[in-house]
N, C-alpha and C. Protein backbone atom coordinates (compact mmCIF):
# COMPACT_ATOMS: atom_id res chain seq x y z
N MET A 1 -60.01 36.60 101.73
CA MET A 1 -58.75 37.28 101.93
C MET A 1 -57.65 36.25 102.17
N ALA A 2 -57.94 35.22 102.93
CA ALA A 2 -56.93 34.20 103.22
C ALA A 2 -56.46 33.51 101.95
N ILE A 3 -57.39 33.15 101.11
CA ILE A 3 -57.02 32.47 99.86
C ILE A 3 -56.23 33.42 98.96
N MET A 4 -56.60 34.68 98.91
CA MET A 4 -55.86 35.64 98.11
C MET A 4 -54.42 35.76 98.62
N LEU A 5 -54.24 35.83 99.90
CA LEU A 5 -52.90 35.93 100.47
C LEU A 5 -52.07 34.68 100.18
N LEU A 6 -52.70 33.51 100.23
CA LEU A 6 -51.97 32.26 100.01
C LEU A 6 -51.71 31.94 98.54
N GLU A 7 -52.66 32.29 97.68
CA GLU A 7 -52.54 31.88 96.28
C GLU A 7 -52.38 33.03 95.29
N ASN A 8 -52.47 34.25 95.79
CA ASN A 8 -52.35 35.44 94.95
C ASN A 8 -53.38 35.46 93.82
N ASP A 9 -54.54 34.88 94.08
CA ASP A 9 -55.62 34.89 93.10
C ASP A 9 -56.91 34.53 93.82
N VAL A 10 -58.00 35.09 93.37
CA VAL A 10 -59.33 34.74 93.89
C VAL A 10 -60.21 34.56 92.68
N PHE A 11 -60.37 33.31 92.28
CA PHE A 11 -61.18 33.00 91.11
C PHE A 11 -61.90 31.69 91.37
N ILE A 12 -62.56 31.17 90.39
CA ILE A 12 -63.37 29.97 90.54
C ILE A 12 -62.56 28.82 91.14
N GLU A 13 -61.34 28.61 90.67
CA GLU A 13 -60.53 27.49 91.14
C GLU A 13 -60.18 27.58 92.63
N GLN A 14 -60.24 28.77 93.18
CA GLN A 14 -59.88 28.93 94.58
C GLN A 14 -61.04 28.58 95.53
N PHE A 15 -62.22 28.38 95.01
CA PHE A 15 -63.37 28.16 95.89
C PHE A 15 -63.89 26.73 95.83
N THR A 16 -62.98 25.80 96.06
CA THR A 16 -63.36 24.40 96.18
C THR A 16 -63.52 24.09 97.66
N GLU A 17 -64.30 23.06 97.97
CA GLU A 17 -64.47 22.65 99.37
C GLU A 17 -63.11 22.35 100.00
N GLU A 18 -62.26 21.68 99.23
CA GLU A 18 -60.94 21.28 99.74
C GLU A 18 -60.10 22.49 100.12
N LYS A 19 -60.06 23.51 99.26
CA LYS A 19 -59.23 24.68 99.54
C LYS A 19 -59.80 25.50 100.69
N ILE A 20 -61.11 25.69 100.69
CA ILE A 20 -61.73 26.51 101.74
C ILE A 20 -61.54 25.88 103.12
N ALA A 21 -61.58 24.55 103.18
CA ALA A 21 -61.47 23.85 104.46
C ALA A 21 -60.03 23.45 104.80
N SER A 22 -59.07 23.86 103.99
CA SER A 22 -57.69 23.44 104.25
C SER A 22 -57.18 24.08 105.54
N PRO A 23 -56.34 23.37 106.28
CA PRO A 23 -55.80 23.91 107.53
C PRO A 23 -55.07 25.24 107.35
N ARG A 24 -54.34 25.41 106.26
CA ARG A 24 -53.62 26.67 106.02
C ARG A 24 -54.60 27.84 105.90
N VAL A 25 -55.67 27.63 105.15
CA VAL A 25 -56.67 28.70 104.97
C VAL A 25 -57.36 28.99 106.29
N LEU A 26 -57.80 27.95 106.98
CA LEU A 26 -58.52 28.15 108.24
C LEU A 26 -57.64 28.81 109.30
N GLU A 27 -56.36 28.47 109.33
CA GLU A 27 -55.45 29.11 110.28
C GLU A 27 -55.32 30.60 109.97
N LEU A 28 -55.18 30.93 108.68
CA LEU A 28 -55.04 32.33 108.29
C LEU A 28 -56.34 33.10 108.52
N VAL A 29 -57.47 32.46 108.26
CA VAL A 29 -58.78 33.11 108.50
C VAL A 29 -58.89 33.54 109.97
N SER A 30 -58.39 32.70 110.86
CA SER A 30 -58.49 33.03 112.29
C SER A 30 -57.66 34.26 112.67
N LYS A 31 -56.74 34.65 111.79
CA LYS A 31 -55.88 35.80 112.06
C LYS A 31 -56.35 37.07 111.37
N ILE A 32 -57.42 36.98 110.62
CA ILE A 32 -57.91 38.13 109.85
C ILE A 32 -59.05 38.82 110.60
N ASN A 33 -58.93 40.12 110.73
CA ASN A 33 -59.99 40.94 111.32
C ASN A 33 -60.47 41.92 110.26
N ILE A 34 -61.77 41.98 110.07
CA ILE A 34 -62.35 42.90 109.10
C ILE A 34 -63.07 44.00 109.86
N ARG A 35 -62.74 45.24 109.52
CA ARG A 35 -63.37 46.39 110.17
C ARG A 35 -63.98 47.29 109.11
N HIS A 36 -65.13 47.81 109.40
CA HIS A 36 -65.80 48.76 108.51
C HIS A 36 -65.21 50.14 108.75
N ASP A 37 -64.73 50.76 107.69
CA ASP A 37 -64.19 52.12 107.77
C ASP A 37 -65.22 53.08 107.19
N GLU A 38 -65.94 53.77 108.04
CA GLU A 38 -67.02 54.65 107.60
C GLU A 38 -66.52 55.78 106.71
N SER A 39 -65.26 56.12 106.79
CA SER A 39 -64.74 57.21 105.95
C SER A 39 -64.76 56.84 104.47
N LEU A 40 -64.91 55.57 104.17
CA LEU A 40 -64.96 55.14 102.77
C LEU A 40 -66.38 55.09 102.22
N ASP A 41 -67.38 55.34 103.05
CA ASP A 41 -68.78 55.16 102.65
C ASP A 41 -69.34 56.21 101.70
N ASN A 42 -69.07 57.46 101.91
CA ASN A 42 -69.78 58.52 101.20
C ASN A 42 -68.92 59.35 100.26
N ALA A 43 -67.82 58.82 99.85
CA ALA A 43 -66.96 59.56 98.92
C ALA A 43 -67.61 59.58 97.54
N PRO A 44 -67.31 60.59 96.73
CA PRO A 44 -67.89 60.66 95.38
C PRO A 44 -67.49 59.47 94.52
N SER A 45 -68.37 59.11 93.60
CA SER A 45 -68.09 58.00 92.68
C SER A 45 -66.77 58.25 91.95
N GLY A 46 -66.01 57.18 91.78
CA GLY A 46 -64.74 57.29 91.06
C GLY A 46 -63.58 57.68 91.95
N THR A 47 -63.84 57.82 93.25
CA THR A 47 -62.74 58.18 94.14
C THR A 47 -62.56 57.06 95.17
N ILE A 48 -62.26 57.45 96.38
CA ILE A 48 -61.95 56.49 97.44
C ILE A 48 -63.10 55.52 97.73
N ALA A 49 -64.33 55.85 97.31
CA ALA A 49 -65.47 54.99 97.58
C ALA A 49 -65.30 53.61 96.98
N ARG A 50 -64.45 53.48 96.01
CA ARG A 50 -64.23 52.19 95.36
C ARG A 50 -62.95 51.53 95.86
N GLU A 51 -62.48 51.95 97.00
CA GLU A 51 -61.24 51.41 97.53
C GLU A 51 -61.46 50.60 98.79
N SER A 52 -60.50 49.74 99.04
CA SER A 52 -60.40 49.03 100.31
C SER A 52 -58.99 49.23 100.82
N ILE A 53 -58.84 49.13 102.10
CA ILE A 53 -57.53 49.26 102.71
C ILE A 53 -57.21 47.95 103.41
N VAL A 54 -56.05 47.39 103.10
CA VAL A 54 -55.60 46.17 103.74
C VAL A 54 -54.37 46.53 104.56
N GLU A 55 -54.42 46.16 105.82
CA GLU A 55 -53.29 46.40 106.71
C GLU A 55 -52.87 45.07 107.32
N ILE A 56 -51.60 44.75 107.19
CA ILE A 56 -51.07 43.50 107.74
C ILE A 56 -50.07 43.87 108.83
N THR A 57 -50.26 43.25 109.98
CA THR A 57 -49.32 43.44 111.08
C THR A 57 -48.48 42.17 111.19
N LEU A 58 -47.18 42.33 111.01
CA LEU A 58 -46.26 41.20 111.08
C LEU A 58 -45.97 40.83 112.53
N LYS A 59 -45.39 39.66 112.74
CA LYS A 59 -45.07 39.19 114.09
C LYS A 59 -44.17 40.17 114.84
N ASN A 60 -43.30 40.88 114.12
CA ASN A 60 -42.39 41.82 114.78
C ASN A 60 -43.06 43.18 115.05
N GLY A 61 -44.36 43.30 114.74
CA GLY A 61 -45.09 44.53 114.99
C GLY A 61 -45.14 45.49 113.81
N GLU A 62 -44.33 45.24 112.80
CA GLU A 62 -44.32 46.11 111.62
C GLU A 62 -45.68 46.00 110.91
N ARG A 63 -46.16 47.16 110.45
CA ARG A 63 -47.44 47.20 109.72
C ARG A 63 -47.21 47.54 108.27
N ILE A 64 -47.88 46.80 107.41
CA ILE A 64 -47.84 47.05 105.97
C ILE A 64 -49.26 47.41 105.56
N THR A 65 -49.42 48.56 104.91
CA THR A 65 -50.73 49.02 104.50
C THR A 65 -50.76 49.18 102.98
N GLN A 66 -51.84 48.72 102.38
CA GLN A 66 -52.00 48.85 100.92
C GLN A 66 -53.45 49.20 100.62
N ARG A 67 -53.63 50.15 99.72
CA ARG A 67 -54.97 50.49 99.25
C ARG A 67 -55.23 49.70 97.98
N GLY A 68 -56.42 49.17 97.86
CA GLY A 68 -56.81 48.45 96.66
C GLY A 68 -58.05 49.10 96.07
N SER A 69 -58.15 49.10 94.78
CA SER A 69 -59.27 49.77 94.12
C SER A 69 -60.02 48.78 93.23
N VAL A 70 -61.32 48.92 93.23
CA VAL A 70 -62.17 48.11 92.35
C VAL A 70 -61.75 48.36 90.91
N ARG A 71 -61.69 47.32 90.11
CA ARG A 71 -61.30 47.45 88.70
C ARG A 71 -62.54 47.36 87.83
N GLY A 72 -62.46 48.01 86.69
CA GLY A 72 -63.51 47.86 85.70
C GLY A 72 -64.54 48.97 85.65
N TYR A 73 -64.17 50.15 86.03
CA TYR A 73 -65.06 51.30 85.86
C TYR A 73 -64.23 52.43 85.28
N GLU A 74 -64.88 53.55 84.96
CA GLU A 74 -64.20 54.63 84.24
C GLU A 74 -62.95 55.16 84.95
N GLY A 75 -62.92 55.10 86.24
CA GLY A 75 -61.78 55.61 86.97
C GLY A 75 -60.63 54.62 87.10
N ASN A 76 -60.89 53.36 86.81
CA ASN A 76 -59.87 52.33 86.95
C ASN A 76 -60.20 51.16 86.01
N PRO A 77 -60.08 51.38 84.71
CA PRO A 77 -60.49 50.35 83.75
C PRO A 77 -59.55 49.15 83.74
N VAL A 78 -60.09 48.01 83.34
CA VAL A 78 -59.24 46.83 83.14
C VAL A 78 -58.59 46.94 81.76
N THR A 79 -57.45 46.33 81.62
CA THR A 79 -56.75 46.38 80.34
C THR A 79 -57.28 45.30 79.41
N GLU A 80 -56.96 45.45 78.15
CA GLU A 80 -57.32 44.44 77.16
C GLU A 80 -56.75 43.08 77.55
N ASN A 81 -55.51 43.04 77.96
CA ASN A 81 -54.88 41.78 78.37
C ASN A 81 -55.57 41.15 79.57
N GLU A 82 -56.04 41.97 80.51
CA GLU A 82 -56.75 41.44 81.67
C GLU A 82 -58.08 40.82 81.27
N VAL A 83 -58.78 41.45 80.33
CA VAL A 83 -60.05 40.89 79.84
C VAL A 83 -59.79 39.55 79.15
N ILE A 84 -58.76 39.50 78.33
CA ILE A 84 -58.42 38.26 77.62
C ILE A 84 -58.03 37.17 78.62
N GLU A 85 -57.24 37.52 79.60
CA GLU A 85 -56.83 36.54 80.62
C GLU A 85 -58.04 35.99 81.37
N LYS A 86 -58.99 36.87 81.71
CA LYS A 86 -60.19 36.41 82.41
C LYS A 86 -61.03 35.50 81.51
N PHE A 87 -61.15 35.85 80.24
CA PHE A 87 -61.87 34.99 79.30
C PHE A 87 -61.23 33.62 79.24
N ARG A 88 -59.91 33.59 79.15
CA ARG A 88 -59.20 32.30 79.07
C ARG A 88 -59.44 31.48 80.34
N LYS A 89 -59.40 32.12 81.49
CA LYS A 89 -59.61 31.41 82.75
C LYS A 89 -61.03 30.85 82.85
N THR A 90 -62.01 31.63 82.41
CA THR A 90 -63.40 31.19 82.55
C THR A 90 -63.82 30.19 81.49
N SER A 91 -63.07 30.10 80.40
CA SER A 91 -63.47 29.19 79.32
C SER A 91 -62.54 27.99 79.14
N GLN A 92 -61.47 27.92 79.92
CA GLN A 92 -60.47 26.88 79.70
C GLN A 92 -61.00 25.46 79.86
N ASP A 93 -62.02 25.27 80.65
CA ASP A 93 -62.59 23.93 80.82
C ASP A 93 -63.66 23.61 79.78
N ARG A 94 -64.00 24.57 78.94
CA ARG A 94 -65.07 24.39 77.96
C ARG A 94 -64.59 24.32 76.52
N ILE A 95 -63.51 25.05 76.22
CA ILE A 95 -63.00 25.09 74.86
C ILE A 95 -61.47 25.01 74.88
N THR A 96 -60.90 24.64 73.74
CA THR A 96 -59.44 24.52 73.65
C THR A 96 -58.79 25.91 73.53
N ALA A 97 -57.49 25.93 73.70
CA ALA A 97 -56.73 27.18 73.55
C ALA A 97 -56.87 27.71 72.12
N ASP A 98 -56.88 26.82 71.13
CA ASP A 98 -57.05 27.26 69.74
C ASP A 98 -58.43 27.89 69.53
N GLN A 99 -59.44 27.32 70.14
CA GLN A 99 -60.79 27.89 70.04
C GLN A 99 -60.86 29.24 70.75
N GLN A 100 -60.20 29.34 71.87
CA GLN A 100 -60.12 30.63 72.57
C GLN A 100 -59.48 31.67 71.66
N ASP A 101 -58.36 31.29 71.04
CA ASP A 101 -57.65 32.21 70.14
C ASP A 101 -58.55 32.68 69.01
N GLU A 102 -59.32 31.75 68.45
CA GLU A 102 -60.21 32.09 67.34
C GLU A 102 -61.29 33.08 67.78
N LEU A 103 -61.87 32.84 68.94
CA LEU A 103 -62.89 33.76 69.46
C LEU A 103 -62.30 35.13 69.79
N ILE A 104 -61.14 35.12 70.40
CA ILE A 104 -60.48 36.39 70.73
C ILE A 104 -60.18 37.18 69.47
N ASP A 105 -59.65 36.49 68.46
CA ASP A 105 -59.33 37.16 67.20
C ASP A 105 -60.58 37.79 66.58
N LEU A 106 -61.67 37.06 66.54
CA LEU A 106 -62.90 37.62 65.98
C LEU A 106 -63.39 38.82 66.79
N CYS A 107 -63.34 38.71 68.08
CA CYS A 107 -63.81 39.82 68.93
C CYS A 107 -62.94 41.06 68.73
N MET A 108 -61.64 40.85 68.57
CA MET A 108 -60.73 41.98 68.39
C MET A 108 -60.92 42.66 67.03
N ARG A 109 -61.55 41.95 66.11
CA ARG A 109 -61.75 42.51 64.76
C ARG A 109 -63.22 42.80 64.46
N LEU A 110 -64.06 42.83 65.45
CA LEU A 110 -65.49 43.05 65.22
C LEU A 110 -65.76 44.29 64.39
N ASP A 111 -65.02 45.35 64.61
CA ASP A 111 -65.25 46.59 63.87
C ASP A 111 -64.87 46.46 62.40
N GLU A 112 -64.13 45.43 62.05
CA GLU A 112 -63.73 45.23 60.65
C GLU A 112 -64.65 44.24 59.93
N LEU A 113 -65.44 43.50 60.68
CA LEU A 113 -66.32 42.49 60.08
C LEU A 113 -67.57 43.15 59.51
N PRO A 114 -68.10 42.60 58.41
CA PRO A 114 -69.32 43.17 57.84
C PRO A 114 -70.52 43.01 58.78
N ASP A 115 -70.51 41.95 59.58
CA ASP A 115 -71.54 41.72 60.59
C ASP A 115 -70.99 40.72 61.60
N ALA A 116 -71.79 40.34 62.57
CA ALA A 116 -71.32 39.46 63.64
C ALA A 116 -71.65 38.00 63.39
N ARG A 117 -72.05 37.64 62.17
CA ARG A 117 -72.46 36.25 61.91
C ARG A 117 -71.35 35.24 62.19
N ALA A 118 -70.11 35.55 61.82
CA ALA A 118 -69.01 34.60 62.05
C ALA A 118 -68.84 34.34 63.55
N LEU A 119 -68.95 35.38 64.33
CA LEU A 119 -68.83 35.22 65.78
C LEU A 119 -70.00 34.42 66.34
N VAL A 120 -71.20 34.75 65.91
CA VAL A 120 -72.39 34.03 66.37
C VAL A 120 -72.29 32.55 66.00
N LYS A 121 -71.87 32.27 64.78
CA LYS A 121 -71.73 30.88 64.33
C LYS A 121 -70.72 30.14 65.19
N LEU A 122 -69.60 30.77 65.46
CA LEU A 122 -68.57 30.15 66.30
C LEU A 122 -69.10 29.89 67.69
N LEU A 123 -69.83 30.81 68.24
CA LEU A 123 -70.38 30.63 69.58
C LEU A 123 -71.46 29.55 69.62
N GLU A 124 -72.26 29.45 68.57
CA GLU A 124 -73.28 28.39 68.50
C GLU A 124 -72.64 27.03 68.50
N VAL A 125 -71.60 26.86 67.70
CA VAL A 125 -70.91 25.57 67.64
C VAL A 125 -70.31 25.23 69.00
N ARG A 126 -69.71 26.21 69.67
CA ARG A 126 -69.08 25.97 70.96
C ARG A 126 -70.13 25.64 72.03
N SER A 127 -71.28 26.27 71.98
CA SER A 127 -72.29 26.03 73.02
C SER A 127 -72.95 24.67 72.88
N GLN A 128 -72.87 24.08 71.70
CA GLN A 128 -73.44 22.76 71.49
C GLN A 128 -72.46 21.65 71.82
N ALA A 129 -71.21 22.00 71.98
CA ALA A 129 -70.18 20.97 72.26
C ALA A 129 -70.31 20.41 73.64
């Protein structure tokens, strides 16, 4: 939670020894309290059961509350752009932006291809690099 608040992202790059042990993160961690809300436990699938509630109390006493929902299921799907962005983030250290573009293009046109050989060939070449 501390890293998310400080960097507005929680991904592989955020979980380095240096970032986790940084004074800013550790100071913020000491201010975070996590409580289990039993009312979220038994709700039907696709509803509040996939939510979390974050409440921040400011120094002046003002409270800010936000509900967050798990992404990537039928009730809250991820967008095409979000999938592409995640692919780019997870592959940026392994392949170039041009190679990413080529893979994305093939994946977006899979239904138009006679078979998946071009994609498989591209992936084989990339995995051997």
